[in-house]
């Protein structure tokens, strides 16, 4: 019986943040379709969440929702937080930044579809600034273009979250790879190195073979493809 059950759709988007972590630590987990809980049963959970992902920790017998909360729970369980308390807070900040980028790149979770002018402005300014923000976080902790990690000398949950954000983004939308390389070359290299770790690489190979360059699905993804392409 698996230690964890993860409920999400067959898309990378927020789900990959959790799956990359579970794969890295070689946790025993089962991936289940989000439709088993959402939208009919999610409010019946103990500690309900508004939308997937949901994680059930069988060992603790606790449900978790919200991607940042799930990652912090797993990071504590597997000791993937930095050692210093202030750095642990910074790791949470990185995860929350990732969640903000997901919201912004989907135009506030699809409240509006992108038009070309709005996208061009977002890409040139806001998205570029987000990439620079992650790059400067890494620089301040000695991240190099070919070595190091976002918050110091070892891999932490902050690296996995960053790779789930930008690695997924540039795989799904290769047109954005040059944006990342220009604004955050250290982060671009970090994505390649972490995606090359054995367990993560095997998972991504299988997922990308199955899903191609799928991202978040539906009208939101189509809106992105229309303006990026």
Protein backbone atom coordinates (compact mmCIF):
# COMPACT_ATOMS: atom_id res chain seq x y z
CA UNK A 1 0.00 0.00 0.00
CA UNK A 2 1.44 3.43 -0.92
CA UNK A 3 2.47 5.95 1.70
CA UNK A 4 0.82 8.77 -0.26
CA UNK A 5 -2.07 9.28 -2.63
CA UNK A 6 -1.80 12.28 -4.92
CA UNK A 7 -4.92 13.53 -6.69
CA UNK A 8 -4.35 15.63 -9.78
CA UNK A 9 -5.14 15.62 -13.48
CA UNK A 10 -2.93 14.14 -16.21
CA UNK A 11 -1.16 17.47 -16.64
CA UNK A 12 2.12 18.75 -15.21
CA UNK A 13 1.26 22.28 -13.98
CA UNK A 14 0.82 22.21 -10.16
CA UNK A 15 1.00 18.44 -9.97
CA UNK A 16 4.63 18.26 -11.04
CA UNK A 17 5.76 20.24 -8.02
CA UNK A 18 4.66 17.36 -5.84
CA UNK A 19 5.49 14.52 -8.20
CA UNK A 20 9.05 15.69 -8.81
CA UNK A 21 9.59 15.80 -5.06
CA UNK A 22 8.06 12.35 -4.48
CA UNK A 23 10.16 10.94 -7.31
CA UNK A 24 13.37 12.55 -6.02
CA UNK A 25 12.95 11.03 -2.54
CA UNK A 26 11.71 7.75 -4.08
CA UNK A 27 8.55 7.84 -2.01
CA UNK A 28 5.94 5.12 -2.48
CA UNK A 29 2.92 6.96 -3.85
CA UNK A 30 -0.07 6.48 -6.09
CA UNK A 31 -1.21 9.10 -8.58
CA UNK A 32 -5.01 9.28 -8.91
CA UNK A 33 -7.22 11.38 -11.13
CA UNK A 34 -8.49 14.55 -9.49
CA UNK A 35 -12.02 13.80 -10.68
CA UNK A 36 -12.27 11.18 -7.95
CA UNK A 37 -12.54 14.07 -5.47
CA UNK A 38 -13.16 17.24 -7.43
CA UNK A 39 -15.64 18.90 -7.65
CA UNK A 40 -18.08 16.59 -5.86
CA UNK A 41 -16.19 15.34 -2.80
CA UNK A 42 -13.48 17.91 -2.06
CA UNK A 43 -15.48 19.69 0.66
CA UNK A 44 -15.97 16.39 2.50
CA UNK A 45 -12.26 16.03 3.15
CA UNK A 46 -10.86 16.66 6.60
CA UNK A 47 -9.14 20.01 6.01
CA UNK A 48 -10.82 20.51 2.61
CA UNK A 49 -9.18 22.28 -0.28
CA UNK A 50 -10.86 24.34 -2.97
CA UNK A 51 -9.13 22.60 -5.90
CA UNK A 52 -6.46 19.98 -6.66
CA UNK A 53 -3.80 18.96 -5.93
CA UNK A 54 -4.73 16.96 -2.87
CA UNK A 55 -2.33 14.69 -0.99
CA UNK A 56 -3.36 12.00 1.44
CA UNK A 57 -0.56 11.02 3.81
CA UNK A 58 -1.44 7.48 4.86
CA UNK A 59 1.15 7.34 7.61
CA UNK A 60 -0.15 10.50 9.27
CA UNK A 61 -3.74 9.84 8.11
CA UNK A 62 -4.05 13.50 7.14
CA UNK A 63 -5.27 15.23 3.98
CA UNK A 64 -3.37 18.20 2.60
CA UNK A 65 -4.40 20.70 -0.05
CA UNK A 66 -2.66 23.71 -1.62
CA UNK A 67 0.57 22.98 -3.45
CA UNK A 68 2.83 25.10 -1.15
CA UNK A 69 1.45 23.42 1.98
CA UNK A 70 1.91 19.95 0.49
CA UNK A 71 5.51 20.69 -0.48
CA UNK A 72 6.35 22.07 2.95
CA UNK A 73 4.85 18.99 4.60
CA UNK A 74 6.94 16.69 2.42
CA UNK A 75 10.08 18.80 2.78
CA UNK A 76 9.89 18.52 6.56
CA UNK A 77 9.23 14.79 6.40
CA UNK A 78 12.23 14.11 4.15
CA UNK A 79 14.54 16.83 5.50
CA UNK A 80 14.60 18.82 2.26
CA UNK A 81 14.51 22.18 4.00
CA UNK A 82 17.64 24.26 4.56
CA UNK A 83 19.13 23.98 8.03
CA UNK A 84 18.83 27.59 9.24
CA UNK A 85 15.37 28.79 10.32
CA UNK A 86 15.57 31.95 8.21
CA UNK A 87 16.50 29.85 5.18
CA UNK A 88 13.51 27.61 5.82
CA UNK A 89 11.32 30.70 5.66
CA UNK A 90 13.05 31.65 2.41
CA UNK A 91 12.29 28.19 1.00
CA UNK A 92 8.62 28.77 1.71
CA UNK A 93 8.89 32.17 0.04
CA UNK A 94 10.34 30.53 -3.09
CA UNK A 95 7.44 28.06 -3.24
CA UNK A 96 4.91 30.87 -2.79
CA UNK A 97 6.64 32.83 -5.56
CA UNK A 98 6.25 29.79 -7.80
CA UNK A 99 2.55 29.65 -7.04
CA UNK A 100 2.23 33.34 -7.84
CA UNK A 101 3.92 32.84 -11.20
CA UNK A 102 1.49 30.03 -12.03
CA UNK A 103 -1.42 32.30 -11.22
CA UNK A 104 -0.03 35.17 -13.27
CA UNK A 105 1.00 33.17 -16.32
CA UNK A 106 -2.53 31.75 -16.52
CA UNK A 107 -3.92 35.30 -16.27
CA UNK A 108 -5.22 34.86 -12.74
CA UNK A 109 -6.16 31.21 -13.16
CA UNK A 110 -8.09 31.88 -16.34
CA UNK A 111 -10.28 34.71 -15.15
CA UNK A 112 -9.50 36.26 -18.53
CA UNK A 113 -7.93 34.80 -21.65
CA UNK A 114 -4.74 36.39 -22.94
CA UNK A 115 -4.76 38.87 -25.81
CA UNK A 116 -1.55 39.50 -27.71
CA UNK A 117 -0.87 42.99 -26.37
CA UNK A 118 -1.38 42.00 -22.74
CA UNK A 119 0.77 38.90 -23.14
CA UNK A 120 3.59 40.78 -24.83
CA UNK A 121 3.65 43.29 -21.98
CA UNK A 122 3.57 40.54 -19.35
CA UNK A 123 6.33 38.57 -21.04
CA UNK A 124 8.61 41.58 -21.46
CA UNK A 125 8.20 42.95 -17.97
CA UNK A 126 6.47 40.90 -15.29
CA UNK A 127 7.64 37.44 -16.40
CA UNK A 128 11.15 38.74 -17.02
CA UNK A 129 11.18 40.25 -13.55
CA UNK A 130 10.07 36.97 -11.99
CA UNK A 131 12.90 35.14 -13.72
CA UNK A 132 15.39 37.76 -12.55
CA UNK A 133 14.06 37.46 -9.00
CA UNK A 134 14.81 33.72 -8.91
CA UNK A 135 18.20 34.32 -10.48
CA UNK A 136 19.19 36.86 -7.83
CA UNK A 137 18.03 34.55 -5.06
CA UNK A 138 20.38 31.91 -6.42
CA UNK A 139 23.23 34.38 -6.92
CA UNK A 140 23.00 35.46 -3.30
CA UNK A 141 23.57 31.82 -2.29
CA UNK A 142 26.49 31.20 -4.68
CA UNK A 143 24.51 29.48 -7.43
CA UNK A 144 26.78 29.23 -10.48
CA UNK A 145 25.94 28.63 -14.11
CA UNK A 146 27.15 25.05 -13.76
CA UNK A 147 27.03 24.25 -10.03
CA UNK A 148 25.28 24.93 -6.76
CA UNK A 149 21.67 25.27 -5.69
CA UNK A 150 19.17 28.03 -5.12
CA UNK A 151 19.57 28.34 -1.35
CA UNK A 152 23.01 26.97 -0.68
CA UNK A 153 25.26 23.95 -1.10
CA UNK A 154 22.63 21.18 -1.22
CA UNK A 155 19.41 20.38 -3.03
CA UNK A 156 16.29 21.52 -1.20
CA UNK A 157 12.59 21.78 -1.84
CA UNK A 158 13.23 25.29 -3.22
CA UNK A 159 15.21 23.80 -6.12
CA UNK A 160 12.56 21.21 -6.90
CA UNK A 161 9.85 23.88 -6.88
CA UNK A 162 11.90 26.17 -9.12
CA UNK A 163 12.54 23.36 -11.59
CA UNK A 164 8.88 22.32 -11.56
CA UNK A 165 8.03 25.92 -12.43
CA UNK A 166 10.57 26.89 -15.07
CA UNK A 167 11.57 23.47 -16.36
CA UNK A 168 7.95 22.62 -17.06
CA UNK A 169 7.33 26.05 -18.58
CA UNK A 170 10.14 25.90 -21.12
CA UNK A 171 9.39 22.29 -22.01
CA UNK A 172 5.74 23.11 -22.69
CA UNK A 173 6.59 26.40 -24.40
CA UNK A 174 10.07 26.14 -25.94
CA UNK A 175 9.69 29.71 -27.20
CA UNK A 176 10.28 30.84 -23.60
CA UNK A 177 13.61 29.03 -23.22
CA UNK A 178 15.55 32.05 -24.50
CA UNK A 179 13.69 34.29 -22.05
CA UNK A 180 14.88 32.12 -19.17
CA UNK A 181 18.43 31.85 -20.48
CA UNK A 182 18.62 35.63 -20.89
CA UNK A 183 17.05 36.63 -17.57
CA UNK A 184 18.14 33.71 -15.41
CA UNK A 185 21.01 31.68 -16.92
CA UNK A 186 21.89 30.09 -13.58
CA UNK A 187 18.30 29.00 -13.05
CA UNK A 188 18.12 27.65 -16.60
CA UNK A 189 21.17 25.48 -15.91
CA UNK A 190 19.77 24.45 -12.51
CA UNK A 191 16.64 23.19 -14.27
CA UNK A 192 18.71 21.07 -16.63
CA UNK A 193 20.83 19.62 -13.84
CA UNK A 194 17.92 18.74 -11.56
CA UNK A 195 15.86 17.37 -14.43
CA UNK A 196 18.85 15.12 -15.13
CA UNK A 197 18.82 13.50 -11.69
CA UNK A 198 18.08 9.78 -12.21
CA UNK A 199 14.65 9.43 -10.59
CA UNK A 200 13.39 12.77 -11.89
CA UNK A 201 14.75 12.13 -15.39
CA UNK A 202 13.01 8.76 -15.61
CA UNK A 203 9.73 10.25 -14.47
CA UNK A 204 9.92 13.17 -16.88
CA UNK A 205 10.83 10.91 -19.79
CA UNK A 206 7.70 8.84 -19.19
CA UNK A 207 5.46 11.84 -18.57
CA UNK A 208 6.64 13.79 -21.60
CA UNK A 209 6.35 10.75 -23.81
CA UNK A 210 2.73 10.40 -22.69
CA UNK A 211 1.66 14.05 -22.47
CA UNK A 212 3.94 15.72 -25.01
CA UNK A 213 4.16 19.43 -24.26
CA UNK A 214 0.89 19.63 -22.32
CA UNK A 215 0.84 22.28 -19.62
CA UNK A 216 -2.36 23.26 -17.80
CA UNK A 217 -4.99 22.16 -20.30
CA UNK A 218 -8.23 23.57 -21.60
CA UNK A 219 -8.95 27.10 -22.75
CA UNK A 220 -6.24 28.55 -20.52
CA UNK A 221 -3.50 26.56 -22.23
CA UNK A 222 -4.93 27.29 -25.66
CA UNK A 223 -4.94 31.00 -24.85
CA UNK A 224 -1.25 30.78 -23.95
CA UNK A 225 -0.42 28.87 -27.12
CA UNK A 226 -2.24 31.42 -29.23
CA UNK A 227 -0.21 34.35 -27.92
CA UNK A 228 3.14 32.60 -27.49
CA UNK A 229 3.06 30.91 -30.87
